[in-house]
């Protein structure tokens, strides 16, 4: 019985091996094998892929470098914007104090006179330092009104200047390089009316 079983098992084993072989090899496998790239073509394709990735990485690095350089330039150019904006208020107060002081100082007390001289020197020094760092004062009397730099606070009826001409400056403006810190507060000329001319 055992020998017969062995003889019966052999044909089944052979059949299973044949079946396994026929299942593993398909028509698609043969076609894929025929269409497969040669080793040289595969290397060329891989090389082109790496080259494309390298070019993209280099371009991204260059863009990042330019953005960083632009950010540094902007920081150096406009980094003091907030500080200068805060500095304009005490500078205005010192200028108003000088404007309220008497123009004739000969009869003034020596101490008071020295205080005014010191205040004038301080205003001049602060103004020079601001100009050194790219700040320009906007005090546009006689100029045409520019909404980019000026803010109209009132109108001045007159025939002595063209309408739109700045006749008075209530508060100076400031520009840092090409960026407005604060517009100048101005009075703008308008044509005088007939009733005003008669009176």
Protein backbone atom coordinates (compact mmCIF):
# COMPACT_ATOMS: atom_id res chain seq x y z
CA UNK A 1 0.00 0.00 0.00
CA UNK A 2 2.74 2.41 0.83
CA UNK A 3 4.55 1.83 -2.46
CA UNK A 4 1.32 2.37 -4.37
CA UNK A 5 0.71 5.62 -2.49
CA UNK A 6 4.16 6.82 -3.40
CA UNK A 7 3.54 5.97 -7.05
CA UNK A 8 0.24 7.84 -6.92
CA UNK A 9 1.77 10.94 -5.33
CA UNK A 10 4.45 11.39 -7.98
CA UNK A 11 2.13 12.25 -10.91
CA UNK A 12 0.21 14.71 -8.67
CA UNK A 13 3.43 16.45 -7.66
CA UNK A 14 4.49 16.74 -11.25
CA UNK A 15 1.12 18.18 -12.21
CA UNK A 16 1.22 20.75 -9.41
CA UNK A 17 4.69 21.91 -10.46
CA UNK A 18 3.55 22.20 -14.05
CA UNK A 19 0.51 24.20 -12.98
CA UNK A 20 2.62 26.52 -10.84
CA UNK A 21 5.01 27.20 -13.72
CA UNK A 22 2.21 27.95 -16.17
CA UNK A 23 0.59 30.40 -13.71
CA UNK A 24 3.82 32.31 -13.01
CA UNK A 25 4.66 33.01 -16.66
CA UNK A 26 1.95 35.13 -18.34
CA UNK A 27 1.63 36.94 -21.65
CA UNK A 28 1.85 40.32 -19.86
CA UNK A 29 5.16 39.29 -18.33
CA UNK A 30 6.54 38.46 -21.74
CA UNK A 31 5.38 41.78 -23.21
CA UNK A 32 6.77 43.74 -20.23
CA UNK A 33 10.06 41.95 -20.63
CA UNK A 34 10.21 42.91 -24.31
CA UNK A 35 9.32 46.56 -23.56
CA UNK A 36 11.68 46.87 -20.58
CA UNK A 37 14.44 49.48 -20.88
CA UNK A 38 17.96 48.41 -21.45
CA UNK A 39 20.35 49.05 -18.56
CA UNK A 40 21.90 51.98 -20.44
CA UNK A 41 18.49 53.56 -21.13
CA UNK A 42 17.47 53.08 -17.52
CA UNK A 43 20.66 54.84 -16.38
CA UNK A 44 19.98 57.72 -18.78
CA UNK A 45 16.43 58.08 -17.45
CA UNK A 46 17.66 58.07 -13.87
CA UNK A 47 20.36 60.60 -14.75
CA UNK A 48 17.79 62.94 -16.33
CA UNK A 49 15.58 62.62 -13.26
CA UNK A 50 18.45 63.48 -10.92
CA UNK A 51 19.47 66.38 -13.17
CA UNK A 52 15.92 67.78 -13.10
CA UNK A 53 15.81 67.51 -9.30
CA UNK A 54 19.20 69.21 -9.06
CA UNK A 55 18.11 72.13 -11.27
CA UNK A 56 14.91 72.56 -9.28
CA UNK A 57 16.81 72.53 -5.97
CA UNK A 58 19.35 75.05 -7.31
CA UNK A 59 16.56 77.36 -8.51
CA UNK A 60 14.79 77.13 -5.14
CA UNK A 61 18.03 77.91 -3.30
CA UNK A 62 18.62 80.95 -5.52
CA UNK A 63 15.08 82.21 -4.91
CA UNK A 64 15.48 81.70 -1.17
CA UNK A 65 18.79 83.56 -1.25
CA UNK A 66 17.25 86.49 -3.12
CA UNK A 67 14.27 86.66 -0.76
CA UNK A 68 16.58 86.63 2.27
CA UNK A 69 18.77 89.34 0.74
CA UNK A 70 15.70 91.47 -0.03
CA UNK A 71 14.41 91.02 3.54
CA UNK A 72 17.78 92.09 4.96
CA UNK A 73 17.85 95.17 2.72
CA UNK A 74 14.29 96.09 3.74
CA UNK A 75 15.14 95.63 7.42
CA UNK A 76 18.24 97.83 7.11
CA UNK A 77 16.34 100.47 5.17
CA UNK A 78 13.10 100.63 7.14
CA UNK A 79 13.99 98.95 10.44
CA UNK A 80 13.96 102.26 12.34
CA UNK A 81 10.54 103.29 10.99
CA UNK A 82 8.69 102.75 14.27
CA UNK A 83 11.37 104.50 16.33
CA UNK A 84 11.43 107.53 14.02
CA UNK A 85 7.62 107.73 14.04
CA UNK A 86 7.69 107.85 17.85
CA UNK A 87 10.48 110.45 17.78
CA UNK A 88 8.47 112.90 15.67
CA UNK A 89 6.05 113.72 18.50
CA UNK A 90 8.62 115.06 21.01
CA UNK A 91 10.33 116.86 18.11
CA UNK A 92 7.02 118.57 17.32
CA UNK A 93 6.66 119.60 20.95
CA UNK A 94 10.14 121.16 21.01
CA UNK A 95 9.42 123.06 17.79
CA UNK A 96 6.12 124.36 19.19
CA UNK A 97 7.95 125.53 22.33
CA UNK A 98 10.39 127.48 20.15
CA UNK A 99 7.57 128.98 18.07
CA UNK A 100 5.80 130.19 21.23
CA UNK A 101 8.97 131.88 22.53
CA UNK A 102 9.41 135.62 21.90
CA UNK A 103 11.40 136.55 18.80
CA UNK A 104 13.12 139.43 20.58
CA UNK A 105 15.42 137.94 23.20
CA UNK A 106 17.57 140.88 24.19
CA UNK A 107 15.46 141.73 27.22
CA UNK A 108 14.98 138.11 28.30
CA UNK A 109 16.48 136.62 31.43
CA UNK A 110 19.87 135.01 30.69
CA UNK A 111 18.73 131.62 31.99
CA UNK A 112 15.60 131.65 29.81
CA UNK A 113 17.66 132.76 26.83
CA UNK A 114 20.11 129.87 27.34
CA UNK A 115 17.23 127.39 27.59
CA UNK A 116 15.89 128.57 24.23
CA UNK A 117 19.35 128.34 22.64
CA UNK A 118 19.78 124.81 24.00
CA UNK A 119 16.35 123.84 22.71
CA UNK A 120 17.16 125.21 19.25
CA UNK A 121 20.45 123.28 19.17
CA UNK A 122 18.66 120.08 20.24
CA UNK A 123 16.06 120.42 17.47
CA UNK A 124 18.78 121.09 14.88
CA UNK A 125 20.86 118.13 16.05
CA UNK A 126 17.92 115.71 16.05
CA UNK A 127 16.90 116.92 12.58
CA UNK A 128 20.45 116.39 11.25
CA UNK A 129 20.61 112.88 12.71
CA UNK A 130 17.27 111.99 11.15
CA UNK A 131 18.41 113.33 7.76
CA UNK A 132 21.61 111.30 8.08
CA UNK A 133 19.49 108.14 8.37
CA UNK A 134 17.33 108.95 5.34
CA UNK A 135 14.53 110.96 6.95
CA UNK A 136 13.30 114.04 5.11
CA UNK A 137 11.06 116.72 6.58
CA UNK A 138 7.98 117.64 4.54
CA UNK A 139 7.24 121.35 4.96
CA UNK A 140 5.60 122.16 1.64
CA UNK A 141 4.51 125.82 1.76
CA UNK A 142 3.99 127.11 -1.79
CA UNK A 143 3.93 123.61 -3.33
CA UNK A 144 1.01 121.93 -5.07
CA UNK A 145 -1.05 119.63 -2.86
CA UNK A 146 -0.02 115.97 -3.17
CA UNK A 147 -2.35 113.47 -1.50
CA UNK A 148 0.56 111.00 -1.26
CA UNK A 149 2.48 113.35 1.06
CA UNK A 150 0.00 115.88 2.42
CA UNK A 151 -3.24 115.86 4.39
CA UNK A 152 -5.56 118.84 3.92
CA UNK A 153 -6.83 120.20 7.25
CA UNK A 154 -8.50 123.41 6.05
CA UNK A 155 -8.95 125.61 2.99
CA UNK A 156 -7.65 129.16 2.54
CA UNK A 157 -9.78 131.39 0.28
CA UNK A 158 -7.35 133.52 -1.77
CA UNK A 159 -6.69 134.87 -5.24
CA UNK A 160 -2.96 135.23 -4.59
CA UNK A 161 -2.25 131.56 -5.37
CA UNK A 162 -3.69 128.91 -7.63
CA UNK A 163 -6.28 126.59 -6.07
CA UNK A 164 -4.56 123.53 -4.64
CA UNK A 165 -1.45 125.44 -3.56
CA UNK A 166 -0.38 124.85 0.05
CA UNK A 167 -0.67 128.12 1.98
CA UNK A 168 0.03 126.93 5.53
CA UNK A 169 1.59 123.96 7.34
CA UNK A 170 0.01 123.05 10.65
CA UNK A 171 2.37 120.12 11.22
CA UNK A 172 5.43 118.95 9.30
CA UNK A 173 5.43 115.54 7.67
CA UNK A 174 8.26 113.01 7.43
CA UNK A 175 9.46 110.51 4.84
CA UNK A 176 11.95 107.67 5.44
CA UNK A 177 13.68 107.09 2.08
CA UNK A 178 10.63 106.54 -0.14
CA UNK A 179 8.19 105.51 2.60
CA UNK A 180 5.83 107.99 4.24
CA UNK A 181 6.11 108.17 8.02
CA UNK A 182 3.56 110.93 8.52
CA UNK A 183 1.83 113.26 6.06
CA UNK A 184 2.17 117.02 6.44
CA UNK A 185 -0.99 118.65 7.83
CA UNK A 186 -1.64 121.60 5.53
CA UNK A 187 -4.01 124.39 4.57
CA UNK A 188 -4.79 124.50 0.86
CA UNK A 189 -5.69 127.53 -1.27
CA UNK A 190 -9.11 127.75 -2.90
CA UNK A 191 -10.54 130.43 -5.13
CA UNK A 192 -12.01 133.33 -3.19
CA UNK A 193 -15.78 133.72 -3.66
CA UNK A 194 -17.41 136.88 -5.04
CA UNK A 195 -19.01 137.68 -1.68
CA UNK A 196 -15.67 137.50 0.10
CA UNK A 197 -14.06 139.82 -2.49
CA UNK A 198 -16.83 142.40 -2.02
CA UNK A 199 -16.48 142.42 1.74
